[in-house]
Amino acid sequence: MKVKKMEAGLYCLHCHEEVDHEITYINDQIKSIRCLECNKTKELKIDVKKELYREIYERISTKPTRMTEEYQKDLSHLLFSLPVRVIKKPYHVLKDVNSTRKVIQNYKKKE
């Protein structure tokens, strides 16, 4: 799971004017919107488990298609890069698991 933060100019109901807000996303879902002037925050409920399951399903279900496209595009590159990718994959999976665990823990603390 990925947490992204961005700023946008939105109308604040507390400030009664358009000011910058920080928008926090979990994957593609808005988690919170915070006014940078008055610091008021609007939290939105997200089913974190559902997001996690959807992300895992999408990654697993699209893997055969992605591998086929890569194979058709350049077989030699695929064959040369495969051993390195097999070695690096456990590290990437561990990194994803740790970042997902942190997101879930932070989300549970705020509930």
PDB file of N, CA and C in Angstrom:
ATOM      1  N   MET A   1       0.840  -1.173   0.000  1.00  0.00           N
ATOM      2  CA  MET A   1       0.000   0.000   0.000  1.00  0.00           C
ATOM      3  C   MET A   1       0.879   1.227   0.000  1.00  0.00           C
ATOM      4  N   LYS A   2       0.419   2.213  -0.687  1.00  0.00           N
ATOM      5  CA  LYS A   2       1.198   3.436  -0.777  1.00  0.00           C
ATOM      6  C   LYS A   2       0.412   4.603  -0.204  1.00  0.00           C
ATOM      7  N   VAL A   3       1.101   5.413   0.562  1.00  0.00           N
ATOM      8  CA  VAL A   3       0.520   6.642   1.095  1.00  0.00           C
ATOM      9  C   VAL A   3       1.132   7.800   0.319  1.00  0.00           C
ATOM     10  N   LYS A   4       0.271   8.617  -0.265  1.00  0.00           N
ATOM     11  CA  LYS A   4       0.738   9.785  -1.007  1.00  0.00           C
ATOM     12  C   LYS A   4       0.098  11.024  -0.408  1.00  0.00           C
ATOM     13  N   LYS A   5       0.869  12.099  -0.376  1.00  0.00           N
ATOM     14  CA  LYS A   5       0.351  13.383   0.103  1.00  0.00           C
ATOM     15  C   LYS A   5       0.555  14.414  -0.992  1.00  0.00           C
ATOM     16  N   MET A   6      -0.449  15.276  -1.158  1.00  0.00           N
ATOM     17  CA  MET A   6      -0.329  16.355  -2.128  1.00  0.00           C
ATOM     18  C   MET A   6      -1.071  17.571  -1.599  1.00  0.00           C
ATOM     19  N   GLU A   7      -0.754  18.713  -2.161  1.00  0.00           N
ATOM     20  CA  GLU A   7      -1.418  19.947  -1.757  1.00  0.00           C
ATOM     21  C   GLU A   7      -2.312  20.436  -2.879  1.00  0.00           C
ATOM     22  N   ALA A   8      -3.433  21.039  -2.463  1.00  0.00           N
ATOM     23  CA  ALA A   8      -4.374  21.577  -3.438  1.00  0.00           C
ATOM     24  C   ALA A   8      -5.078  22.772  -2.813  1.00  0.00           C
ATOM     25  N   GLY A   9      -5.460  23.711  -3.641  1.00  0.00           N
ATOM     26  CA  GLY A   9      -6.217  24.867  -3.177  1.00  0.00           C
ATOM     27  C   GLY A   9      -7.695  24.523  -3.149  1.00  0.00           C
ATOM     28  N   LEU A  10      -8.267  24.466  -1.955  1.00  0.00           N
ATOM     29  CA  LEU A  10      -9.679  24.135  -1.783  1.00  0.00           C
ATOM     30  C   LEU A  10     -10.347  25.177  -0.893  1.00  0.00           C
ATOM     31  N   TYR A  11     -11.672  25.258  -0.991  1.00  0.00           N
ATOM     32  CA  TYR A  11     -12.418  26.177  -0.140  1.00  0.00           C
ATOM     33  C   TYR A  11     -12.569  25.554   1.239  1.00  0.00           C
ATOM     34  N   CYS A  12     -12.157  26.281   2.262  1.00  0.00           N
ATOM     35  CA  CYS A  12     -12.247  25.802   3.642  1.00  0.00           C
ATOM     36  C   CYS A  12     -13.510  26.362   4.287  1.00  0.00           C
ATOM     37  N   LEU A  13     -14.320  25.480   4.866  1.00  0.00           N
ATOM     38  CA  LEU A  13     -15.551  25.910   5.524  1.00  0.00           C
ATOM     39  C   LEU A  13     -15.284  26.663   6.823  1.00  0.00           C
ATOM     40  N   HIS A  14     -14.132  26.432   7.434  1.00  0.00           N
ATOM     41  CA  HIS A  14     -13.797  27.111   8.688  1.00  0.00           C
ATOM     42  C   HIS A  14     -13.136  28.470   8.429  1.00  0.00           C
ATOM     43  N   CYS A  15     -12.285  28.551   7.428  1.00  0.00           N
ATOM     44  CA  CYS A  15     -11.593  29.802   7.089  1.00  0.00           C
ATOM     45  C   CYS A  15     -12.454  30.710   6.210  1.00  0.00           C
ATOM     46  N   HIS A  16     -13.451  30.157   5.553  1.00  0.00           N
ATOM     47  CA  HIS A  16     -14.336  30.866   4.627  1.00  0.00           C
ATOM     48  C   HIS A  16     -13.585  31.505   3.466  1.00  0.00           C
ATOM     49  N   GLU A  17     -12.570  30.802   2.986  1.00  0.00           N
ATOM     50  CA  GLU A  17     -11.837  31.247   1.799  1.00  0.00           C
ATOM     51  C   GLU A  17     -11.090  30.059   1.206  1.00  0.00           C
ATOM     52  N   GLU A  18     -10.567  30.269   0.002  1.00  0.00           N
ATOM     53  CA  GLU A  18      -9.801  29.216  -0.654  1.00  0.00           C
ATOM     54  C   GLU A  18      -8.363  29.266  -0.156  1.00  0.00           C
ATOM     55  N   VAL A  19      -7.953  28.169   0.478  1.00  0.00           N
ATOM     56  CA  VAL A  19      -6.595  28.057   1.016  1.00  0.00           C
ATOM     57  C   VAL A  19      -6.025  26.686   0.641  1.00  0.00           C
ATOM     58  N   ASP A  20      -4.726  26.517   0.879  1.00  0.00           N
ATOM     59  CA  ASP A  20      -4.083  25.246   0.578  1.00  0.00           C
ATOM     60  C   ASP A  20      -4.504  24.176   1.584  1.00  0.00           C
ATOM     61  N   HIS A  21      -4.714  22.980   1.067  1.00  0.00           N
ATOM     62  CA  HIS A  21      -5.053  21.822   1.882  1.00  0.00           C
ATOM     63  C   HIS A  21      -4.086  20.690   1.544  1.00  0.00           C
ATOM     64  N   GLU A  22      -3.815  19.857   2.525  1.00  0.00           N
ATOM     65  CA  GLU A  22      -3.014  18.659   2.306  1.00  0.00           C
ATOM     66  C   GLU A  22      -3.965  17.474   2.192  1.00  0.00           C
ATOM     67  N   ILE A  23      -3.887  16.776   1.071  1.00  0.00           N
ATOM     68  CA  ILE A  23      -4.743  15.617   0.822  1.00  0.00           C
ATOM     69  C   ILE A  23      -3.873  14.369   0.924  1.00  0.00           C
ATOM     70  N   THR A  24      -4.300  13.426   1.760  1.00  0.00           N
ATOM     71  CA  THR A  24      -3.571  12.183   1.959  1.00  0.00           C
ATOM     72  C   THR A  24      -4.358  11.044   1.318  1.00  0.00           C
ATOM     73  N   TYR A  25      -3.654  10.277   0.489  1.00  0.00           N
ATOM     74  CA  TYR A  25      -4.261   9.143  -0.201  1.00  0.00           C
ATOM     75  C   TYR A  25      -3.660   7.847   0.313  1.00  0.00           C
ATOM     76  N   ILE A  26      -4.482   6.814   0.413  1.00  0.00           N
ATOM     77  CA  ILE A  26      -4.002   5.449   0.579  1.00  0.00           C
ATOM     78  C   ILE A  26      -4.375   4.764  -0.724  1.00  0.00           C
ATOM     79  N   ASN A  27      -3.354   4.358  -1.473  1.00  0.00           N
ATOM     80  CA  ASN A  27      -3.507   3.908  -2.858  1.00  0.00           C
ATOM     81  C   ASN A  27      -4.201   5.009  -3.645  1.00  0.00           C
ATOM     82  N   ASP A  28      -5.399   4.798  -4.122  1.00  0.00           N
ATOM     83  CA  ASP A  28      -6.087   5.841  -4.879  1.00  0.00           C
ATOM     84  C   ASP A  28      -7.286   6.406  -4.124  1.00  0.00           C
ATOM     85  N   GLN A  29      -7.427   6.070  -2.857  1.00  0.00           N
ATOM     86  CA  GLN A  29      -8.557   6.514  -2.050  1.00  0.00           C
ATOM     87  C   GLN A  29      -8.125   7.672  -1.143  1.00  0.00           C
ATOM     88  N   ILE A  30      -8.965   8.700  -1.056  1.00  0.00           N
ATOM     89  CA  ILE A  30      -8.658   9.828  -0.167  1.00  0.00           C
ATOM     90  C   ILE A  30      -8.876   9.392   1.273  1.00  0.00           C
ATOM     91  N   LYS A  31      -7.840   9.570   2.091  1.00  0.00           N
ATOM     92  CA  LYS A  31      -7.904   9.207   3.506  1.00  0.00           C
ATOM     93  C   LYS A  31      -8.252  10.411   4.368  1.00  0.00           C
ATOM     94  N   SER A  32      -7.602  11.556   4.072  1.00  0.00           N
ATOM     95  CA  SER A  32      -7.877  12.747   4.870  1.00  0.00           C
ATOM     96  C   SER A  32      -7.577  14.008   4.069  1.00  0.00           C
ATOM     97  N   ILE A  33      -8.250  15.088   4.492  1.00  0.00           N
ATOM     98  CA  ILE A  33      -8.027  16.408   3.915  1.00  0.00           C
ATOM     99  C   ILE A  33      -7.814  17.360   5.090  1.00  0.00           C
ATOM    100  N   ARG A  34      -6.660  18.030   5.094  1.00  0.00           N
ATOM    101  CA  ARG A  34      -6.319  18.920   6.215  1.00  0.00           C
ATOM    102  C   ARG A  34      -6.054  20.323   5.698  1.00  0.00           C
ATOM    103  N   CYS A  35      -6.699  21.301   6.315  1.00  0.00           N
ATOM    104  CA  CYS A  35      -6.477  22.701   5.970  1.00  0.00           C
ATOM    105  C   CYS A  35      -5.134  23.128   6.561  1.00  0.00           C
ATOM    106  N   LEU A  36      -4.299  23.733   5.756  1.00  0.00           N
ATOM    107  CA  LEU A  36      -2.986  24.153   6.228  1.00  0.00           C
ATOM    108  C   LEU A  36      -3.030  25.480   6.988  1.00  0.00           C
ATOM    109  N   GLU A  37      -4.150  26.193   6.918  1.00  0.00           N
ATOM    110  CA  GLU A  37      -4.291  27.455   7.653  1.00  0.00           C
ATOM    111  C   GLU A  37      -4.833  27.217   9.066  1.00  0.00           C
ATOM    112  N   CYS A  38      -6.008  26.593   9.154  1.00  0.00           N
ATOM    113  CA  CYS A  38      -6.633  26.400  10.468  1.00  0.00           C
ATOM    114  C   CYS A  38      -6.385  25.014  11.048  1.00  0.00           C
ATOM    115  N   ASN A  39      -5.771  24.137  10.281  1.00  0.00           N
ATOM    116  CA  ASN A  39      -5.393  22.791  10.719  1.00  0.00           C
ATOM    117  C   ASN A  39      -6.582  21.873  10.989  1.00  0.00           C
ATOM    118  N   LYS A  40      -7.773  22.208  10.506  1.00  0.00           N
ATOM    119  CA  LYS A  40      -8.931  21.327  10.638  1.00  0.00           C
ATOM    120  C   LYS A  40      -8.760  20.168   9.659  1.00  0.00           C
ATOM    121  N   THR A  41      -9.106  18.978  10.111  1.00  0.00           N
ATOM    122  CA  THR A  41      -8.913  17.778   9.299  1.00  0.00           C
ATOM    123  C   THR A  41     -10.226  17.043   9.129  1.00  0.00           C
ATOM    124  N   LYS A  42     -10.470  16.596   7.910  1.00  0.00           N
ATOM    125  CA  LYS A  42     -11.622  15.753   7.614  1.00  0.00           C
ATOM    126  C   LYS A  42     -11.093  14.367   7.291  1.00  0.00           C
ATOM    127  N   GLU A  43     -11.419  13.400   8.139  1.00  0.00           N
ATOM    128  CA  GLU A  43     -10.989  12.013   7.943  1.00  0.00           C
ATOM    129  C   GLU A  43     -12.095  11.262   7.215  1.00  0.00           C
ATOM    130  N   LEU A  44     -11.702  10.467   6.242  1.00  0.00           N
ATOM    131  CA  LEU A  44     -12.651   9.637   5.520  1.00  0.00           C
ATOM    132  C   LEU A  44     -12.374   8.176   5.860  1.00  0.00           C
ATOM    133  N   LYS A  45     -13.431   7.405   6.005  1.00  0.00           N
ATOM    134  CA  LYS A  45     -13.264   6.002   6.360  1.00  0.00           C
ATOM    135  C   LYS A  45     -12.874   5.209   5.124  1.00  0.00           C
ATOM    136  N   ILE A  46     -11.854   4.399   5.289  1.00  0.00           N
ATOM    137  CA  ILE A  46     -11.382   3.524   4.229  1.00  0.00           C
ATOM    138  C   ILE A  46     -11.281   2.124   4.813  1.00  0.00           C
ATOM    139  N   ASP A  47     -11.783   1.146   4.086  1.00  0.00           N
ATOM    140  CA  ASP A  47     -11.626  -0.241   4.495  1.00  0.00           C
ATOM    141  C   ASP A  47     -10.232  -0.676   4.043  1.00  0.00           C
ATOM    142  N   VAL A  48      -9.278  -0.612   4.965  1.00  0.00           N
ATOM    143  CA  VAL A  48      -7.874  -0.872   4.640  1.00  0.00           C
ATOM    144  C   VAL A  48      -7.681  -2.310   4.172  1.00  0.00           C
ATOM    145  N   LYS A  49      -8.378  -3.240   4.796  1.00  0.00           N
ATOM    146  CA  LYS A  49      -8.254  -4.643   4.375  1.00  0.00           C
ATOM    147  C   LYS A  49      -8.752  -4.825   2.947  1.00  0.00           C
ATOM    148  N   LYS A  50      -9.843  -4.179   2.630  1.00  0.00           N
ATOM    149  CA  LYS A  50     -10.383  -4.279   1.275  1.00  0.00           C
ATOM    150  C   LYS A  50      -9.406  -3.699   0.259  1.00  0.00           C
ATOM    151  N   GLU A  51      -8.782  -2.582   0.591  1.00  0.00           N
ATOM    152  CA  GLU A  51      -7.770  -1.985  -0.278  1.00  0.00           C
ATOM    153  C   GLU A  51      -6.583  -2.922  -0.468  1.00  0.00           C
ATOM    154  N   LEU A  52      -6.155  -3.548   0.618  1.00  0.00           N
ATOM    155  CA  LEU A  52      -5.035  -4.487   0.554  1.00  0.00           C
ATOM    156  C   LEU A  52      -5.387  -5.677  -0.330  1.00  0.00           C
ATOM    157  N   TYR A  53      -6.563  -6.252  -0.137  1.00  0.00           N
ATOM    158  CA  TYR A  53      -6.982  -7.393  -0.945  1.00  0.00           C
ATOM    159  C   TYR A  53      -7.098  -7.019  -2.422  1.00  0.00           C
ATOM    160  N   ARG A  54      -7.628  -5.829  -2.681  1.00  0.00           N
ATOM    161  CA  ARG A  54      -7.775  -5.387  -4.070  1.00  0.00           C
ATOM    162  C   ARG A  54      -6.406  -5.208  -4.729  1.00  0.00           C
ATOM    163  N   GLU A  55      -5.463  -4.639  -3.983  1.00  0.00           N
ATOM    164  CA  GLU A  55      -4.113  -4.440  -4.510  1.00  0.00           C
ATOM    165  C   GLU A  55      -3.435  -5.774  -4.808  1.00  0.00           C
ATOM    166  N   ILE A  56      -3.538  -6.715  -3.880  1.00  0.00           N
ATOM    167  CA  ILE A  56      -2.919  -8.032  -4.078  1.00  0.00           C
ATOM    168  C   ILE A  56      -3.568  -8.752  -5.256  1.00  0.00           C
ATOM    169  N   TYR A  57      -4.886  -8.718  -5.321  1.00  0.00           N
ATOM    170  CA  TYR A  57      -5.588  -9.380  -6.426  1.00  0.00           C
ATOM    171  C   TYR A  57      -5.162  -8.798  -7.771  1.00  0.00           C
ATOM    172  N   GLU A  58      -5.089  -7.471  -7.844  1.00  0.00           N
ATOM    173  CA  GLU A  58      -4.706  -6.825  -9.101  1.00  0.00           C
ATOM    174  C   GLU A  58      -3.280  -7.198  -9.505  1.00  0.00           C
ATOM    175  N   ARG A  59      -2.380  -7.217  -8.557  1.00  0.00           N
ATOM    176  CA  ARG A  59      -0.991  -7.573  -8.870  1.00  0.00           C
ATOM    177  C   ARG A  59      -0.870  -9.014  -9.343  1.00  0.00           C
ATOM    178  N   ILE A  60      -1.586  -9.920  -8.686  1.00  0.00           N
ATOM    179  CA  ILE A  60      -1.508 -11.335  -9.056  1.00  0.00           C
ATOM    180  C   ILE A  60      -2.216 -11.595 -10.385  1.00  0.00           C
ATOM    181  N   SER A  61      -3.379 -11.010 -10.562  1.00  0.00           N
ATOM    182  CA  SER A  61      -4.159 -11.305 -11.771  1.00  0.00           C
ATOM    183  C   SER A  61      -3.558 -10.700 -13.033  1.00  0.00           C
ATOM    184  N   THR A  62      -2.801  -9.624 -12.912  1.00  0.00           N
ATOM    185  CA  THR A  62      -2.210  -9.001 -14.103  1.00  0.00           C
ATOM    186  C   THR A  62      -0.802  -9.510 -14.403  1.00  0.00           C
ATOM    187  N   LYS A  63      -0.235 -10.295 -13.516  1.00  0.00           N
ATOM    188  CA  LYS A  63       1.138 -10.770 -13.722  1.00  0.00           C
ATOM    189  C   LYS A  63       1.312 -11.591 -15.003  1.00  0.00           C
ATOM    190  N   PRO A  64       0.456 -12.555 -15.304  1.00  0.00           N
ATOM    191  CA  PRO A  64       0.639 -13.301 -16.556  1.00  0.00           C
ATOM    192  C   PRO A  64       0.597 -12.405 -17.796  1.00  0.00           C
ATOM    193  N   THR A  65      -0.286 -11.436 -17.810  1.00  0.00           N
ATOM    194  CA  THR A  65      -0.380 -10.516 -18.948  1.00  0.00           C
ATOM    195  C   THR A  65       0.876  -9.677 -19.063  1.00  0.00           C
ATOM    196  N   ARG A  66       1.363  -9.177 -17.928  1.00  0.00           N
ATOM    197  CA  ARG A  66       2.578  -8.351 -17.954  1.00  0.00           C
ATOM    198  C   ARG A  66       3.782  -9.161 -18.415  1.00  0.00           C
ATOM    199  N   MET A  67       3.884 -10.407 -17.950  1.00  0.00           N
ATOM    200  CA  MET A  67       4.997 -11.258 -18.377  1.00  0.00           C
ATOM    201  C   MET A  67       4.906 -11.577 -19.869  1.00  0.00           C
ATOM    202  N   THR A  68       3.707 -11.820 -20.366  1.00  0.00           N
ATOM    203  CA  THR A  68       3.521 -12.105 -21.791  1.00  0.00           C
ATOM    204  C   THR A  68       3.904 -10.898 -22.637  1.00  0.00           C
ATOM    205  N   GLU A  69       3.485  -9.715 -22.215  1.00  0.00           N
ATOM    206  CA  GLU A  69       3.842  -8.497 -22.952  1.00  0.00           C
ATOM    207  C   GLU A  69       5.355  -8.308 -22.966  1.00  0.00           C
ATOM    208  N   GLU A  70       5.986  -8.549 -21.829  1.00  0.00           N
ATOM    209  CA  GLU A  70       7.438  -8.395 -21.753  1.00  0.00           C
ATOM    210  C   GLU A  70       8.141  -9.434 -22.635  1.00  0.00           C
ATOM    211  N   TYR A  71       7.621 -10.643 -22.631  1.00  0.00           N
ATOM    212  CA  TYR A  71       8.184 -11.710 -23.457  1.00  0.00           C
ATOM    213  C   TYR A  71       8.069 -11.345 -24.939  1.00  0.00           C
ATOM    214  N   GLN A  72       6.912 -10.846 -25.357  1.00  0.00           N
ATOM    215  CA  GLN A  72       6.695 -10.498 -26.763  1.00  0.00           C
ATOM    216  C   GLN A  72       7.514  -9.285 -27.184  1.00  0.00           C
ATOM    217  N   LYS A  73       7.742  -8.376 -26.266  1.00  0.00           N
ATOM    218  CA  LYS A  73       8.486  -7.159 -26.589  1.00  0.00           C
ATOM    219  C   LYS A  73       9.974  -7.465 -26.814  1.00  0.00           C
ATOM    220  N   ASP A  74      10.576  -8.191 -25.884  1.00  0.00           N
ATOM    221  CA  ASP A  74      12.010  -8.463 -25.996  1.00  0.00           C
ATOM    222  C   ASP A  74      12.359  -9.697 -25.163  1.00  0.00           C
ATOM    223  N   LEU A  75      12.400 -10.834 -25.799  1.00  0.00           N
ATOM    224  CA  LEU A  75      12.674 -12.089 -25.108  1.00  0.00           C
ATOM    225  C   LEU A  75      14.081 -12.121 -24.507  1.00  0.00           C
ATOM    226  N   SER A  76      15.062 -11.645 -25.229  1.00  0.00           N
ATOM    227  CA  SER A  76      16.437 -11.700 -24.719  1.00  0.00           C
ATOM    228  C   SER A  76      16.602 -10.867 -23.448  1.00  0.00           C
ATOM    229  N   HIS A  77      15.971  -9.698 -23.417  1.00  0.00           N
ATOM    230  CA  HIS A  77      16.047  -8.865 -22.206  1.00  0.00           C
ATOM    231  C   HIS A  77      15.379  -9.578 -21.029  1.00  0.00           C
ATOM    232  N   LEU A  78      14.246 -10.208 -21.292  1.00  0.00           N
ATOM    233  CA  LEU A  78      13.548 -10.940 -20.236  1.00  0.00           C
ATOM    234  C   LEU A  78      14.420 -12.069 -19.688  1.00  0.00           C
ATOM    235  N   LEU A  79      15.024 -12.822 -20.568  1.00  0.00           N
ATOM    236  CA  LEU A  79      15.848 -13.957 -20.134  1.00  0.00           C
ATOM    237  C   LEU A  79      17.091 -13.514 -19.358  1.00  0.00           C
ATOM    238  N   PHE A  80      17.690 -12.396 -19.762  1.00  0.00           N
ATOM    239  CA  PHE A  80      18.864 -11.901 -19.042  1.00  0.00           C
ATOM    240  C   PHE A  80      18.504 -11.250 -17.708  1.00  0.00           C
ATOM    241  N   SER A  81      17.352 -10.621 -17.641  1.00  0.00           N
ATOM    242  CA  SER A  81      16.973  -9.924 -16.407  1.00  0.00           C
ATOM    243  C   SER A  81      16.288 -10.837 -15.402  1.00  0.00           C
ATOM    244  N   LEU A  82      15.805 -11.975 -15.822  1.00  0.00           N
ATOM    245  CA  LEU A  82      15.062 -12.871 -14.939  1.00  0.00           C
ATOM    246  C   LEU A  82      15.858 -13.338 -13.717  1.00  0.00           C
ATOM    247  N   PRO A  83      17.110 -13.788 -13.854  1.00  0.00           N
ATOM    248  CA  PRO A  83      17.847 -14.217 -12.644  1.00  0.00           C
ATOM    249  C   PRO A  83      18.001 -13.100 -11.604  1.00  0.00           C
ATOM    250  N   VAL A  84      18.273 -11.905 -12.067  1.00  0.00           N
ATOM    251  CA  VAL A  84      18.420 -10.775 -11.131  1.00  0.00           C
ATOM    252  C   VAL A  84      17.082 -10.465 -10.474  1.00  0.00           C
ATOM    253  N   ARG A  85      16.027 -10.504 -11.239  1.00  0.00           N
ATOM    254  CA  ARG A  85      14.696 -10.226 -10.703  1.00  0.00           C
ATOM    255  C   ARG A  85      14.276 -11.271  -9.679  1.00  0.00           C
ATOM    256  N   VAL A  86      14.628 -12.526  -9.922  1.00  0.00           N
ATOM    257  CA  VAL A  86      14.294 -13.598  -8.977  1.00  0.00           C
ATOM    258  C   VAL A  86      15.030 -13.379  -7.657  1.00  0.00           C
ATOM    259  N   ILE A  87      16.251 -12.914  -7.718  1.00  0.00           N
ATOM    260  CA  ILE A  87      17.022 -12.653  -6.508  1.00  0.00           C
ATOM    261  C   ILE A  87      16.485 -11.432  -5.760  1.00  0.00           C
ATOM    262  N   LYS A  88      16.090 -10.401  -6.483  1.00  0.00           N
ATOM    263  CA  LYS A  88      15.615  -9.163  -5.856  1.00  0.00           C
ATOM    264  C   LYS A  88      14.174  -9.254  -5.361  1.00  0.00           C
ATOM    265  N   LYS A  89      13.387 -10.174  -5.890  1.00  0.00           N
ATOM    266  CA  LYS A  89      11.958 -10.233  -5.570  1.00  0.00           C
ATOM    267  C   LYS A  89      11.663 -10.371  -4.078  1.00  0.00           C
ATOM    268  N   PRO A  90      12.341 -11.256  -3.339  1.00  0.00           N
ATOM    269  CA  PRO A  90      12.049 -11.341  -1.893  1.00  0.00           C
ATOM    270  C   PRO A  90      12.258 -10.006  -1.173  1.00  0.00           C
ATOM    271  N   TYR A  91      13.273  -9.264  -1.555  1.00  0.00           N
ATOM    272  CA  TYR A  91      13.519  -7.956  -0.954  1.00  0.00           C
ATOM    273  C   TYR A  91      12.359  -7.011  -1.240  1.00  0.00           C
ATOM    274  N   HIS A  92      11.887  -6.984  -2.486  1.00  0.00           N
ATOM    275  CA  HIS A  92      10.775  -6.102  -2.851  1.00  0.00           C
ATOM    276  C   HIS A  92       9.485  -6.490  -2.125  1.00  0.00           C
ATOM    277  N   VAL A  93       9.258  -7.791  -2.000  1.00  0.00           N
ATOM    278  CA  VAL A  93       8.068  -8.255  -1.288  1.00  0.00           C
ATOM    279  C   VAL A  93       8.148  -7.857   0.180  1.00  0.00           C
ATOM    280  N   LEU A  94       9.307  -8.034   0.799  1.00  0.00           N
ATOM    281  CA  LEU A  94       9.490  -7.651   2.200  1.00  0.00           C
ATOM    282  C   LEU A  94       9.286  -6.146   2.387  1.00  0.00           C
ATOM    283  N   LYS A  95       9.813  -5.375   1.482  1.00  0.00           N
ATOM    284  CA  LYS A  95       9.644  -3.916   1.530  1.00  0.00           C
ATOM    285  C   LYS A  95       8.166  -3.533   1.430  1.00  0.00           C
ATOM    286  N   ASP A  96       7.438  -4.172   0.519  1.00  0.00           N
ATOM    287  CA  ASP A  96       6.000  -3.910   0.374  1.00  0.00           C
ATOM    288  C   ASP A  96       5.235  -4.314   1.622  1.00  0.00           C
ATOM    289  N   VAL A  97       5.582  -5.465   2.188  1.00  0.00           N
ATOM    290  CA  VAL A  97       4.907  -5.942   3.400  1.00  0.00           C
ATOM    291  C   VAL A  97       5.138  -4.970   4.553  1.00  0.00           C
ATOM    292  N   ASN A  98       6.359  -4.509   4.724  1.00  0.00           N
ATOM    293  CA  ASN A  98       6.665  -3.564   5.809  1.00  0.00           C
ATOM    294  C   ASN A  98       5.930  -2.241   5.629  1.00  0.00           C
ATOM    295  N   SER A  99       5.901  -1.714   4.407  1.00  0.00           N
ATOM    296  CA  SER A  99       5.202  -0.440   4.192  1.00  0.00           C
ATOM    297  C   SER A  99       3.702  -0.611   4.400  1.00  0.00           C
ATOM    298  N   THR A 100       3.154  -1.749   3.983  1.00  0.00           N
ATOM    299  CA  THR A 100       1.727  -2.014   4.196  1.00  0.00           C
ATOM    300  C   THR A 100       1.424  -2.152   5.676  1.00  0.00           C
ATOM    301  N   ARG A 101       2.287  -2.833   6.404  1.00  0.00           N
ATOM    302  CA  ARG A 101       2.094  -2.990   7.849  1.00  0.00           C
ATOM    303  C   ARG A 101       2.079  -1.629   8.546  1.00  0.00           C
ATOM    304  N   LYS A 102       2.977  -0.737   8.148  1.00  0.00           N
ATOM    305  CA  LYS A 102       3.022   0.601   8.747  1.00  0.00           C
ATOM    306  C   LYS A 102       1.749   1.377   8.459  1.00  0.00           C
ATOM    307  N   VAL A 103       1.255   1.289   7.231  1.00  0.00           N
ATOM    308  CA  VAL A 103       0.021   1.992   6.865  1.00  0.00           C
ATOM    309  C   VAL A 103      -1.141   1.480   7.700  1.00  0.00           C
ATOM    310  N   ILE A 104      -1.245   0.171   7.836  1.00  0.00           N
ATOM    311  CA  ILE A 104      -2.355  -0.413   8.602  1.00  0.00           C
ATOM    312  C   ILE A 104      -2.244  -0.038  10.067  1.00  0.00           C
ATOM    313  N   GLN A 105      -1.039  -0.067  10.636  1.00  0.00           N
ATOM    314  CA  GLN A 105      -0.863   0.314  12.046  1.00  0.00           C
ATOM    315  C   GLN A 105      -1.216   1.780  12.266  1.00  0.00           C
ATOM    316  N   ASN A 106      -0.777   2.663  11.392  1.00  0.00           N
ATOM    317  CA  ASN A 106      -1.090   4.079  11.536  1.00  0.00           C
ATOM    318  C   ASN A 106      -2.576   4.324  11.397  1.00  0.00           C
ATOM    319  N   TYR A 107      -3.220   3.616  10.517  1.00  0.00           N
ATOM    320  CA  TYR A 107      -4.645   3.805  10.308  1.00  0.00           C
ATOM    321  C   TYR A 107      -5.428   3.309  11.514  1.00  0.00           C
ATOM    322  N   LYS A 108      -5.023   2.188  12.102  1.00  0.00           N
ATOM    323  CA  LYS A 108      -5.708   1.655  13.266  1.00  0.00           C
ATOM    324  C   LYS A 108      -5.551   2.551  14.486  1.00  0.00           C
ATOM    325  N   LYS A 109      -4.403   3.207  14.623  1.00  0.00           N
ATOM    326  CA  LYS A 109      -4.166   4.112  15.755  1.00  0.00           C
ATOM    327  C   LYS A 109      -5.125   5.291  15.726  1.00  0.00           C
ATOM    328  N   LYS A 110      -5.428   5.769  14.524  1.00  0.00           N
ATOM    329  CA  LYS A 110      -6.272   6.956  14.388  1.00  0.00           C
ATOM    330  C   LYS A 110      -7.755   6.654  14.534  1.00  0.00           C
ATOM    331  N   GLU A 111      -8.138   5.368  14.443  1.00  0.00           N
ATOM    332  CA  GLU A 111      -9.558   5.025  14.553  1.00  0.00           C
ATOM    333  C   GLU A 111     -10.052   5.040  15.956  1.00  0.00           C
TER     334      GLU A 111
END
